[in-house]
Amino acid sequence: MSASPSAELRAVSVIRGGRRILGPVSLRIEAGERWVVLGRNGAGKTTLLDLLGARLRPSEGTLWLLGEEVGRSDLRRLRKLIGLASAAVAKRLQPHVAAIDLVVAAADGALVPWWSHSDGEVSSAAVELLRKGGLQELMEEPWGVLSEGERQQVLLARALVGHPQMLLLDEPFAGLDLGARERLAARLGSLAEEEPELPMVLVTHHLEEIPATATHALLLQDGKVLCAGPIEEVLRPRNVSRCFGVELSVERGHDGRWSARARVR
């Protein structure tokens, strides 16, 4: 890992149709930091992730990713260094392709295995990642028959198989039942131990979905940063209540997991 930050936004804004949908945002993400981004629908969370994933250039400000300035670098090359799991990726996967083939193909940045030229080492890595996600018995199953929880484990394995220098997760818990949510949270927790230097940015709506290993938090409101920094400083009741527009009590359990509830009057 480089001594420079994994990502740095300096007064970055995104403007579409004359409307500022994000920014100005200034943010620095260091190696080993695991960020969670929270906010209401339309707050700008996915737009921020698009910037961090080199899939969008800022309208204003300066964006540095992995030591390179966006706008002066090959974005296609940068994207290969950043692992992404999102609904947009999931929609592009073909239902008849086996889980293991989808993960192997991702090492070459491909969606389907017949575009891939990966070797045995990549195949072994793909098997190990799916095993860690609890899919050892489902590797040959086609994408179309997997449950939502199983699909998220495949998406995570795809994001990791190329040994990324940064990991981005866009609402990976959406649509999961309680069991699948807890399995994914546990997997993300173990990942922090396996790859302690790998920076991660997780977008979510719910504090209950934050892994215990998260180190930093960012609250977005109407495209602007409401609060950002070490997680225990950010996820205070006053900040979270303001972010979501409702009076909340916020707690962190002995296991490191967070929860939020509306205050009863």
Protein backbone atom coordinates (compact mmCIF):
# COMPACT_ATOMS: atom_id res chain seq x y z
CA MET A 1 0.00 0.00 0.00
CA SER A 2 1.17 3.52 -0.82
CA ALA A 3 1.82 6.12 1.88
CA SER A 4 -0.60 8.42 0.05
CA PRO A 5 -4.31 8.17 0.91
CA SER A 6 -6.38 5.58 -0.91
CA ALA A 7 -8.83 8.32 -1.86
CA GLU A 8 -8.96 12.06 -1.39
CA LEU A 9 -11.72 14.44 -2.40
CA ARG A 10 -10.93 18.13 -2.30
CA ALA A 11 -14.06 20.31 -2.54
CA VAL A 12 -15.58 17.84 -5.01
CA SER A 13 -19.05 18.46 -6.45
CA VAL A 14 -21.22 16.69 -9.00
CA ILE A 15 -23.58 18.92 -11.01
CA ARG A 16 -26.22 17.60 -13.39
CA GLY A 17 -28.61 19.76 -15.39
CA GLY A 18 -27.45 22.79 -13.49
CA ARG A 19 -28.31 21.15 -10.16
CA ARG A 20 -25.70 20.28 -7.56
CA ILE A 21 -26.52 16.72 -6.50
CA LEU A 22 -23.41 16.22 -4.39
CA GLY A 23 -20.96 18.52 -2.75
CA PRO A 24 -18.82 20.22 -2.11
CA VAL A 25 -17.28 17.19 -0.37
CA SER A 26 -13.81 17.01 1.13
CA LEU A 27 -12.82 13.58 2.39
CA ARG A 28 -9.67 11.54 2.92
CA ILE A 29 -9.69 7.73 3.12
CA GLU A 30 -6.54 6.03 4.34
CA ALA A 31 -5.40 2.43 3.92
CA GLY A 32 -7.01 0.16 6.48
CA GLU A 33 -9.95 2.46 7.15
CA ARG A 34 -13.42 0.96 6.85
CA TRP A 35 -16.01 3.64 6.18
CA VAL A 36 -19.78 3.47 6.30
CA VAL A 37 -21.84 6.07 4.42
CA LEU A 38 -25.38 6.71 5.64
CA GLY A 39 -28.18 9.00 4.53
CA ARG A 40 -31.72 9.12 3.28
CA ASN A 41 -32.71 8.25 -0.30
CA GLY A 42 -31.37 10.88 -2.67
CA ALA A 43 -28.70 12.07 -0.23
CA GLY A 44 -25.91 11.37 -2.75
CA LYS A 45 -24.54 8.09 -1.40
CA THR A 46 -24.38 6.22 -4.71
CA THR A 47 -23.01 9.30 -6.49
CA LEU A 48 -20.19 9.43 -3.96
CA LEU A 49 -19.49 5.74 -4.54
CA ASP A 50 -19.43 6.33 -8.32
CA LEU A 51 -16.72 8.93 -7.75
CA LEU A 52 -14.70 6.62 -5.54
CA GLY A 53 -15.06 3.81 -8.08
CA ALA A 54 -13.66 5.93 -10.94
CA ARG A 55 -17.01 5.67 -12.71
CA LEU A 56 -17.75 9.37 -12.52
CA ARG A 57 -15.63 12.49 -12.81
CA PRO A 58 -16.27 15.45 -10.52
CA SER A 59 -17.84 18.57 -11.98
CA GLU A 60 -15.82 20.68 -9.58
CA GLY A 61 -12.91 20.04 -7.26
CA THR A 62 -10.11 17.50 -7.34
CA LEU A 63 -10.37 13.74 -6.85
CA TRP A 64 -7.38 11.50 -6.17
CA LEU A 65 -7.74 7.71 -6.25
CA LEU A 66 -4.89 5.36 -5.36
CA GLY A 67 -2.36 8.12 -5.84
CA GLU A 68 -3.66 9.29 -9.22
CA GLU A 69 -5.70 12.36 -10.09
CA VAL A 70 -8.99 11.58 -11.81
CA GLY A 71 -9.10 13.47 -15.08
CA ARG A 72 -5.40 12.91 -15.68
CA SER A 73 -5.43 9.12 -15.46
CA ASP A 74 -6.85 6.17 -17.37
CA LEU A 75 -10.14 5.53 -15.58
CA ARG A 76 -10.44 2.05 -17.08
CA ARG A 77 -7.15 1.06 -15.48
CA LEU A 78 -8.14 2.61 -12.15
CA ARG A 79 -11.44 0.72 -12.13
CA LYS A 80 -9.56 -2.58 -12.29
CA LEU A 81 -7.84 -1.68 -9.01
CA ILE A 82 -11.12 -1.01 -7.19
CA GLY A 83 -13.48 -3.81 -6.18
CA LEU A 84 -17.18 -2.97 -6.49
CA ALA A 85 -20.27 -4.88 -5.41
CA SER A 86 -23.53 -3.18 -6.36
CA ALA A 87 -27.03 -3.73 -7.72
CA ALA A 88 -25.84 -2.30 -11.04
CA VAL A 89 -23.26 -5.08 -11.34
CA ALA A 90 -25.81 -7.71 -10.28
CA LYS A 91 -28.24 -6.67 -13.02
CA ARG A 92 -25.61 -7.32 -15.70
CA LEU A 93 -24.88 -10.92 -14.65
CA GLN A 94 -26.47 -13.63 -16.76
CA PRO A 95 -28.80 -16.02 -14.91
CA HIS A 96 -27.50 -19.25 -16.47
CA VAL A 97 -23.82 -18.71 -15.52
CA ALA A 98 -22.47 -20.64 -12.51
CA ALA A 99 -21.36 -18.75 -9.40
CA ILE A 100 -17.75 -19.94 -9.68
CA ASP A 101 -17.54 -18.84 -13.32
CA LEU A 102 -18.84 -15.38 -12.47
CA VAL A 103 -16.15 -14.95 -9.84
CA VAL A 104 -13.35 -16.25 -12.08
CA ALA A 105 -14.43 -13.93 -14.88
CA ALA A 106 -14.25 -10.92 -12.57
CA ALA A 107 -10.47 -11.31 -12.26
CA ASP A 108 -10.26 -10.05 -15.85
CA GLY A 109 -12.95 -7.44 -15.32
CA ALA A 110 -15.38 -9.57 -17.35
CA LEU A 111 -19.02 -10.44 -16.73
CA VAL A 112 -18.92 -13.83 -18.44
CA PRO A 113 -16.26 -16.57 -18.30
CA TRP A 114 -15.72 -16.96 -22.05
CA TRP A 115 -14.11 -13.52 -22.09
CA SER A 116 -11.76 -14.54 -19.30
CA HIS A 117 -8.25 -15.97 -19.62
CA SER A 118 -7.66 -16.58 -15.93
CA ASP A 119 -5.28 -19.26 -14.69
CA GLY A 120 -5.51 -21.94 -12.03
CA GLU A 121 -4.38 -19.57 -9.31
CA VAL A 122 -7.38 -17.35 -9.97
CA SER A 123 -9.70 -20.36 -9.95
CA SER A 124 -8.31 -21.45 -6.60
CA ALA A 125 -8.77 -17.94 -5.21
CA ALA A 126 -12.37 -17.88 -6.47
CA VAL A 127 -13.11 -21.21 -4.79
CA GLU A 128 -11.64 -20.00 -1.52
CA LEU A 129 -13.61 -16.74 -1.58
CA LEU A 130 -16.89 -18.57 -2.20
CA ARG A 131 -16.03 -21.04 0.54
CA LYS A 132 -15.49 -18.20 2.99
CA GLY A 133 -18.89 -16.85 1.94
CA GLY A 134 -20.51 -20.18 2.83
CA LEU A 135 -21.15 -21.21 -0.78
CA GLN A 136 -18.93 -24.28 -0.95
CA GLU A 137 -21.92 -26.43 -1.92
CA LEU A 138 -23.34 -23.90 -4.39
CA MET A 139 -20.37 -22.99 -6.58
CA GLU A 140 -21.76 -24.71 -9.65
CA GLU A 141 -25.26 -23.33 -9.18
CA PRO A 142 -26.38 -20.75 -11.77
CA TRP A 143 -26.75 -17.14 -10.71
CA GLY A 144 -30.47 -17.19 -11.48
CA VAL A 145 -31.36 -19.75 -8.79
CA LEU A 146 -29.33 -18.25 -5.94
CA SER A 147 -31.04 -16.44 -3.08
CA GLU A 148 -30.42 -12.74 -2.48
CA GLY A 149 -28.05 -13.52 0.36
CA GLU A 150 -26.10 -16.00 -1.75
CA ARG A 151 -25.89 -13.49 -4.59
CA GLN A 152 -24.38 -10.89 -2.30
CA GLN A 153 -21.68 -13.36 -1.30
CA VAL A 154 -20.95 -13.96 -5.00
CA LEU A 155 -20.79 -10.21 -5.66
CA LEU A 156 -18.37 -9.79 -2.76
CA ALA A 157 -16.21 -12.63 -4.05
CA ARG A 158 -16.20 -11.02 -7.51
CA ALA A 159 -15.11 -7.73 -5.99
CA LEU A 160 -12.24 -9.39 -4.12
CA VAL A 161 -10.87 -11.93 -6.58
CA GLY A 162 -8.71 -9.39 -8.42
CA HIS A 163 -6.97 -8.31 -5.20
CA PRO A 164 -8.31 -4.74 -5.25
CA GLN A 165 -6.64 -1.81 -3.55
CA MET A 166 -10.01 -0.46 -2.39
CA LEU A 167 -13.40 -2.14 -1.84
CA LEU A 168 -16.75 -0.43 -2.43
CA LEU A 169 -20.09 -1.94 -1.36
CA ASP A 170 -23.32 -0.25 -2.46
CA GLU A 171 -26.19 -1.32 -0.19
CA PRO A 172 -25.20 -5.00 -0.07
CA PHE A 173 -27.75 -5.73 2.66
CA ALA A 174 -30.77 -4.53 0.65
CA GLY A 175 -33.46 -7.21 0.44
CA LEU A 176 -31.70 -9.68 2.75
CA ASP A 177 -33.49 -11.58 5.47
CA LEU A 178 -32.09 -11.53 9.01
CA GLY A 179 -29.99 -14.66 8.60
CA ALA A 180 -28.44 -13.53 5.33
CA ARG A 181 -27.76 -10.09 6.79
CA GLU A 182 -25.90 -11.54 9.75
CA ARG A 183 -23.89 -13.92 7.57
CA LEU A 184 -22.80 -11.05 5.34
CA ALA A 185 -21.95 -8.85 8.32
CA ALA A 186 -19.85 -11.66 9.76
CA ARG A 187 -18.08 -12.12 6.42
CA LEU A 188 -17.24 -8.43 6.26
CA GLY A 189 -15.95 -8.63 9.80
CA SER A 190 -13.65 -11.54 8.97
CA LEU A 191 -12.49 -9.73 5.85
CA ALA A 192 -11.19 -6.89 8.02
CA GLU A 193 -8.95 -9.43 9.77
CA GLU A 194 -7.82 -11.11 6.54
CA GLU A 195 -7.10 -7.83 4.69
CA PRO A 196 -6.37 -5.27 7.42
CA GLU A 197 -4.86 -2.73 5.00
CA LEU A 198 -7.71 -2.89 2.49
CA PRO A 199 -9.85 0.28 2.70
CA MET A 200 -13.58 -0.29 2.45
CA VAL A 201 -16.54 2.02 1.86
CA LEU A 202 -19.98 0.59 2.64
CA VAL A 203 -23.18 2.43 1.69
CA THR A 204 -26.25 1.56 3.72
CA HIS A 205 -29.46 2.98 5.22
CA HIS A 206 -29.45 1.14 8.53
CA LEU A 207 -27.09 1.23 11.50
CA GLU A 208 -27.90 -2.43 12.21
CA GLU A 209 -26.10 -3.34 8.99
CA ILE A 210 -22.78 -1.79 10.00
CA PRO A 211 -20.09 -4.43 10.67
CA ALA A 212 -18.46 -4.21 14.08
CA THR A 213 -15.12 -3.62 12.33
CA ALA A 214 -16.17 -0.30 10.75
CA THR A 215 -13.77 2.48 11.78
CA HIS A 216 -15.25 5.65 10.24
CA ALA A 217 -18.64 7.02 9.24
CA LEU A 218 -19.95 9.72 6.93
CA LEU A 219 -23.47 11.14 7.12
CA LEU A 220 -24.88 12.70 3.95
CA GLN A 221 -27.85 15.03 3.82
CA ASP A 222 -29.10 16.61 0.59
CA GLY A 223 -25.78 16.00 -1.11
CA LYS A 224 -23.71 17.60 1.63
CA VAL A 225 -21.54 16.10 4.33
CA LEU A 226 -23.33 16.50 7.64
CA CYS A 227 -20.59 14.81 9.65
CA ALA A 228 -17.56 12.60 8.94
CA GLY A 229 -14.82 11.02 11.01
CA PRO A 230 -14.18 8.21 13.51
CA ILE A 231 -17.37 6.20 13.83
CA GLU A 232 -18.00 6.74 17.54
CA GLU A 233 -17.74 10.50 17.08
CA VAL A 234 -20.10 10.55 14.10
CA LEU A 235 -22.83 8.10 15.11
CA ARG A 236 -24.10 10.15 18.00
CA PRO A 237 -27.85 10.46 18.49
CA ARG A 238 -27.92 14.14 17.58
CA ASN A 239 -26.06 13.61 14.30
CA VAL A 240 -28.00 10.52 13.21
CA SER A 241 -31.34 12.11 14.14
CA ARG A 242 -30.54 15.18 12.07
CA CYS A 243 -29.41 13.04 9.14
CA PHE A 244 -32.63 11.01 8.99
CA GLY A 245 -35.05 13.69 10.18
CA VAL A 246 -36.39 11.79 13.18
CA GLU A 247 -35.48 11.75 16.87
CA LEU A 248 -33.46 8.60 17.43
CA SER A 249 -31.71 6.80 20.23
CA VAL A 250 -28.44 5.27 19.05
CA GLU A 251 -26.59 2.47 20.82
CA ARG A 252 -23.48 0.39 20.29
CA GLY A 253 -23.56 -3.05 21.86
CA HIS A 254 -20.76 -4.93 23.58
CA ASP A 255 -20.23 -6.82 20.32
CA GLY A 256 -19.49 -3.57 18.48
CA ARG A 257 -22.72 -3.57 16.46
CA TRP A 258 -24.90 -0.48 16.19
CA SER A 259 -28.66 0.04 16.43
CA ALA A 260 -31.06 2.97 16.20
CA ARG A 261 -34.65 3.34 17.36
CA ALA A 262 -37.15 6.18 17.32
CA ARG A 263 -37.39 7.82 20.70
CA VAL A 264 -40.63 7.06 22.52
CA ARG A 265 -42.24 10.10 24.10
